[in-house]
């Protein structure tokens, strides 16, 4: 089963955008939210199939976990788990 985590360029950019957006109001909460998202991402390899199947794709290998209002979308491959995107739940998934 997959154990190594890789980030897509889109997901890395999404996380930076979240950090910058929250930092407009609070650097502390910006750091806290990013840390908690990273902690959740780091826990995915323990039970990668515990995330729900992303309804928009209905594909068993594309899953998501939630932190607060954010959807952390990832793809399970044989050797790696790819963090595909991080979206606010109010946004439509592209």
N, C-alpha and C. Protein backbone atom coordinates (compact mmCIF):
# COMPACT_ATOMS: atom_id res chain seq x y z
N UNK A 1 0.84 -1.19 0.00
CA UNK A 1 0.00 0.00 0.00
C UNK A 1 0.88 1.24 0.00
N UNK A 2 0.34 2.31 -0.51
CA UNK A 2 1.06 3.58 -0.61
C UNK A 2 1.42 4.10 0.77
N UNK A 3 2.59 4.72 0.85
CA UNK A 3 3.00 5.28 2.12
C UNK A 3 3.63 6.65 1.99
N UNK A 4 4.27 6.91 0.88
CA UNK A 4 4.94 8.18 0.66
C UNK A 4 3.92 9.21 0.17
N UNK A 5 4.05 10.44 0.65
CA UNK A 5 3.14 11.52 0.25
C UNK A 5 3.88 12.44 -0.71
N UNK A 6 3.23 12.74 -1.82
CA UNK A 6 3.73 13.78 -2.73
C UNK A 6 2.62 14.82 -2.91
N UNK A 7 3.05 16.03 -3.22
CA UNK A 7 2.11 17.14 -3.42
C UNK A 7 2.09 17.54 -4.88
N UNK A 8 0.91 17.70 -5.43
CA UNK A 8 0.81 18.26 -6.78
C UNK A 8 1.12 19.75 -6.67
N UNK A 9 1.58 20.36 -7.76
CA UNK A 9 1.80 21.81 -7.72
C UNK A 9 0.53 22.57 -7.34
N UNK A 10 -0.61 22.10 -7.81
CA UNK A 10 -1.88 22.77 -7.49
C UNK A 10 -2.16 22.73 -6.00
N UNK A 11 -1.96 21.57 -5.36
CA UNK A 11 -2.23 21.46 -3.93
C UNK A 11 -1.29 22.35 -3.12
N UNK A 12 -0.02 22.38 -3.51
CA UNK A 12 0.95 23.24 -2.80
C UNK A 12 0.53 24.71 -2.93
N UNK A 13 0.10 25.08 -4.13
CA UNK A 13 -0.36 26.46 -4.35
C UNK A 13 -1.63 26.75 -3.56
N UNK A 14 -2.55 25.78 -3.51
CA UNK A 14 -3.78 25.95 -2.73
C UNK A 14 -3.45 26.22 -1.27
N UNK A 15 -2.50 25.47 -0.71
CA UNK A 15 -2.14 25.65 0.70
C UNK A 15 -1.52 27.02 0.93
N UNK A 16 -0.68 27.46 0.02
CA UNK A 16 -0.09 28.81 0.13
C UNK A 16 -1.17 29.89 0.04
N UNK A 17 -2.12 29.70 -0.87
CA UNK A 17 -3.22 30.67 -1.00
C UNK A 17 -4.03 30.75 0.29
N UNK A 18 -4.30 29.60 0.91
CA UNK A 18 -5.03 29.57 2.17
C UNK A 18 -4.25 30.32 3.24
N UNK A 19 -2.95 30.04 3.31
CA UNK A 19 -2.10 30.70 4.30
C UNK A 19 -2.12 32.21 4.14
N UNK A 20 -1.96 32.67 2.89
CA UNK A 20 -1.95 34.12 2.62
C UNK A 20 -3.31 34.76 2.94
N UNK A 21 -4.38 34.08 2.58
CA UNK A 21 -5.72 34.64 2.80
C UNK A 21 -5.99 34.82 4.30
N UNK A 22 -5.70 33.79 5.09
CA UNK A 22 -5.96 33.88 6.53
C UNK A 22 -4.99 34.87 7.19
N UNK A 23 -3.77 34.95 6.68
CA UNK A 23 -2.77 35.86 7.27
C UNK A 23 -3.16 37.32 7.14
N UNK A 24 -4.06 37.64 6.22
CA UNK A 24 -4.54 39.03 6.12
C UNK A 24 -5.17 39.48 7.43
N UNK A 25 -5.78 38.52 8.14
CA UNK A 25 -6.42 38.83 9.43
C UNK A 25 -5.56 38.41 10.62
N UNK A 26 -4.85 37.29 10.48
CA UNK A 26 -4.10 36.78 11.63
C UNK A 26 -3.00 35.82 11.19
N UNK A 27 -1.75 36.20 11.46
CA UNK A 27 -0.63 35.30 11.18
C UNK A 27 -0.70 34.06 12.06
N UNK A 28 -1.14 34.24 13.30
CA UNK A 28 -1.24 33.11 14.22
C UNK A 28 -2.20 32.05 13.67
N UNK A 29 -3.42 32.46 13.32
CA UNK A 29 -4.40 31.50 12.82
C UNK A 29 -4.02 30.94 11.46
N UNK A 30 -3.35 31.72 10.67
CA UNK A 30 -2.85 31.24 9.40
C UNK A 30 -1.89 30.07 9.62
N UNK A 31 -0.94 30.26 10.52
CA UNK A 31 0.02 29.19 10.84
C UNK A 31 -0.68 27.98 11.44
N UNK A 32 -1.65 28.22 12.30
CA UNK A 32 -2.37 27.13 12.96
C UNK A 32 -3.15 26.29 11.95
N UNK A 33 -3.87 26.94 11.05
CA UNK A 33 -4.66 26.21 10.05
C UNK A 33 -3.74 25.39 9.15
N UNK A 34 -2.65 25.99 8.68
CA UNK A 34 -1.72 25.27 7.81
C UNK A 34 -1.12 24.08 8.56
N UNK A 35 -0.74 24.26 9.82
CA UNK A 35 -0.17 23.16 10.60
C UNK A 35 -1.17 22.02 10.74
N UNK A 36 -2.41 22.35 11.01
CA UNK A 36 -3.42 21.30 11.19
C UNK A 36 -3.72 20.57 9.87
N UNK A 37 -3.72 21.29 8.78
CA UNK A 37 -3.89 20.63 7.48
C UNK A 37 -2.71 19.71 7.21
N UNK A 38 -1.49 20.17 7.48
CA UNK A 38 -0.30 19.34 7.28
C UNK A 38 -0.33 18.10 8.19
N UNK A 39 -0.77 18.28 9.42
CA UNK A 39 -0.88 17.13 10.33
C UNK A 39 -1.87 16.11 9.79
N UNK A 40 -3.00 16.58 9.27
CA UNK A 40 -3.99 15.67 8.70
C UNK A 40 -3.40 14.94 7.49
N UNK A 41 -2.70 15.67 6.63
CA UNK A 41 -2.09 15.07 5.45
C UNK A 41 -1.09 13.98 5.86
N UNK A 42 -0.28 14.27 6.87
CA UNK A 42 0.73 13.31 7.33
C UNK A 42 0.09 12.04 7.91
N UNK A 43 -1.16 12.13 8.36
CA UNK A 43 -1.82 10.96 8.93
C UNK A 43 -2.48 10.07 7.87
N UNK A 44 -2.61 10.54 6.67
CA UNK A 44 -3.32 9.79 5.62
C UNK A 44 -2.70 8.41 5.36
N UNK A 45 -1.37 8.26 5.27
CA UNK A 45 -0.83 6.93 4.97
C UNK A 45 -1.19 5.84 5.98
N UNK A 46 -1.53 6.22 7.21
CA UNK A 46 -1.90 5.22 8.21
C UNK A 46 -3.16 4.45 7.79
N UNK A 47 -4.13 5.16 7.24
CA UNK A 47 -5.36 4.53 6.75
C UNK A 47 -5.87 5.32 5.54
N UNK A 48 -5.23 5.14 4.40
CA UNK A 48 -5.56 5.99 3.25
C UNK A 48 -7.00 5.86 2.75
N UNK A 49 -7.61 4.72 2.96
CA UNK A 49 -8.98 4.52 2.47
C UNK A 49 -10.03 4.99 3.48
N UNK A 50 -9.59 5.60 4.57
CA UNK A 50 -10.56 6.09 5.56
C UNK A 50 -11.22 7.39 5.11
N UNK A 51 -10.60 8.09 4.16
CA UNK A 51 -11.24 9.27 3.59
C UNK A 51 -12.41 8.87 2.72
N UNK A 52 -13.38 9.77 2.59
CA UNK A 52 -14.53 9.40 1.76
C UNK A 52 -14.18 9.55 0.28
N UNK A 53 -14.86 8.81 -0.55
CA UNK A 53 -14.71 8.92 -2.00
C UNK A 53 -15.27 10.28 -2.41
N UNK A 54 -14.53 10.99 -3.25
CA UNK A 54 -14.96 12.32 -3.70
C UNK A 54 -16.19 12.13 -4.59
N UNK A 55 -17.34 12.67 -4.18
CA UNK A 55 -18.58 12.43 -4.93
C UNK A 55 -18.53 12.92 -6.38
N UNK A 56 -17.81 13.99 -6.63
CA UNK A 56 -17.76 14.53 -8.00
C UNK A 56 -17.06 13.57 -8.98
N UNK A 57 -16.22 12.69 -8.45
CA UNK A 57 -15.46 11.77 -9.32
C UNK A 57 -15.92 10.33 -9.19
N UNK A 58 -16.46 9.95 -8.04
CA UNK A 58 -16.92 8.59 -7.80
C UNK A 58 -15.88 7.55 -8.23
N UNK A 59 -14.65 7.77 -7.78
CA UNK A 59 -13.52 6.89 -8.11
C UNK A 59 -12.91 6.45 -6.78
N UNK A 60 -12.79 5.14 -6.58
CA UNK A 60 -12.31 4.60 -5.31
C UNK A 60 -10.91 5.09 -4.93
N UNK A 61 -10.10 5.47 -5.89
CA UNK A 61 -8.74 5.90 -5.57
C UNK A 61 -8.62 7.40 -5.32
N UNK A 62 -9.70 8.16 -5.52
CA UNK A 62 -9.68 9.60 -5.26
C UNK A 62 -10.55 9.85 -4.02
N UNK A 63 -9.89 10.26 -2.96
CA UNK A 63 -10.54 10.39 -1.66
C UNK A 63 -10.36 11.79 -1.10
N UNK A 64 -11.08 12.07 -0.02
CA UNK A 64 -10.92 13.36 0.62
C UNK A 64 -11.10 13.24 2.12
N UNK A 65 -10.41 14.12 2.81
CA UNK A 65 -10.58 14.30 4.25
C UNK A 65 -10.88 15.77 4.46
N UNK A 66 -11.40 16.08 5.62
CA UNK A 66 -11.81 17.46 5.89
C UNK A 66 -11.08 18.00 7.11
N UNK A 67 -10.69 19.25 7.00
CA UNK A 67 -10.27 20.01 8.17
C UNK A 67 -11.06 21.32 8.13
N UNK A 68 -11.85 21.55 9.15
CA UNK A 68 -12.69 22.73 9.22
C UNK A 68 -13.51 22.82 7.94
N UNK A 69 -13.36 23.89 7.17
CA UNK A 69 -14.14 24.05 5.94
C UNK A 69 -13.38 23.58 4.71
N UNK A 70 -12.22 22.99 4.90
CA UNK A 70 -11.35 22.63 3.77
C UNK A 70 -11.43 21.16 3.42
N UNK A 71 -11.46 20.91 2.11
CA UNK A 71 -11.45 19.56 1.57
C UNK A 71 -10.03 19.26 1.11
N UNK A 72 -9.42 18.24 1.67
CA UNK A 72 -8.08 17.81 1.26
C UNK A 72 -8.29 16.60 0.36
N UNK A 73 -8.06 16.78 -0.92
CA UNK A 73 -8.34 15.75 -1.91
C UNK A 73 -7.04 15.05 -2.28
N UNK A 74 -7.07 13.72 -2.25
CA UNK A 74 -5.86 12.96 -2.54
C UNK A 74 -6.17 11.74 -3.40
N UNK A 75 -5.13 11.28 -4.10
CA UNK A 75 -5.23 10.11 -4.97
C UNK A 75 -4.33 9.02 -4.40
N UNK A 76 -4.87 7.83 -4.28
CA UNK A 76 -4.10 6.69 -3.78
C UNK A 76 -3.55 5.92 -4.98
N UNK A 77 -2.23 5.82 -5.06
CA UNK A 77 -1.56 5.01 -6.07
C UNK A 77 -0.86 3.85 -5.36
N UNK A 78 -0.27 2.95 -6.11
CA UNK A 78 0.40 1.80 -5.51
C UNK A 78 1.52 2.22 -4.57
N UNK A 79 2.34 3.18 -4.97
CA UNK A 79 3.52 3.53 -4.20
C UNK A 79 3.42 4.86 -3.46
N UNK A 80 2.52 5.73 -3.87
CA UNK A 80 2.45 7.06 -3.27
C UNK A 80 1.00 7.49 -3.06
N UNK A 81 0.87 8.46 -2.19
CA UNK A 81 -0.40 9.17 -2.03
C UNK A 81 -0.13 10.58 -2.51
N UNK A 82 -0.89 11.00 -3.51
CA UNK A 82 -0.71 12.34 -4.07
C UNK A 82 -1.78 13.27 -3.54
N UNK A 83 -1.34 14.35 -2.90
CA UNK A 83 -2.27 15.38 -2.47
C UNK A 83 -2.58 16.18 -3.73
N UNK A 84 -3.81 16.12 -4.18
CA UNK A 84 -4.21 16.68 -5.46
C UNK A 84 -4.62 18.15 -5.34
N UNK A 85 -5.41 18.46 -4.31
CA UNK A 85 -5.92 19.83 -4.17
C UNK A 85 -6.45 20.03 -2.75
N UNK A 86 -6.52 21.29 -2.36
CA UNK A 86 -7.15 21.67 -1.09
C UNK A 86 -8.09 22.81 -1.41
N UNK A 87 -9.38 22.57 -1.18
CA UNK A 87 -10.40 23.55 -1.52
C UNK A 87 -11.23 23.91 -0.30
N UNK A 88 -11.68 25.15 -0.27
CA UNK A 88 -12.69 25.53 0.72
C UNK A 88 -13.99 24.85 0.30
N UNK A 89 -14.72 24.33 1.26
CA UNK A 89 -15.93 23.59 0.96
C UNK A 89 -17.00 24.39 0.22
N UNK A 90 -16.95 25.71 0.29
CA UNK A 90 -17.93 26.55 -0.39
C UNK A 90 -17.62 26.70 -1.88
N UNK A 91 -16.40 26.36 -2.26
CA UNK A 91 -16.02 26.48 -3.68
C UNK A 91 -16.39 25.21 -4.44
N UNK A 92 -16.70 25.38 -5.71
CA UNK A 92 -16.98 24.23 -6.56
C UNK A 92 -15.66 23.56 -6.94
N UNK A 93 -15.67 22.26 -6.95
CA UNK A 93 -14.50 21.48 -7.33
C UNK A 93 -14.37 21.48 -8.85
N UNK A 94 -13.19 21.84 -9.34
CA UNK A 94 -12.96 21.88 -10.79
C UNK A 94 -12.56 20.53 -11.31
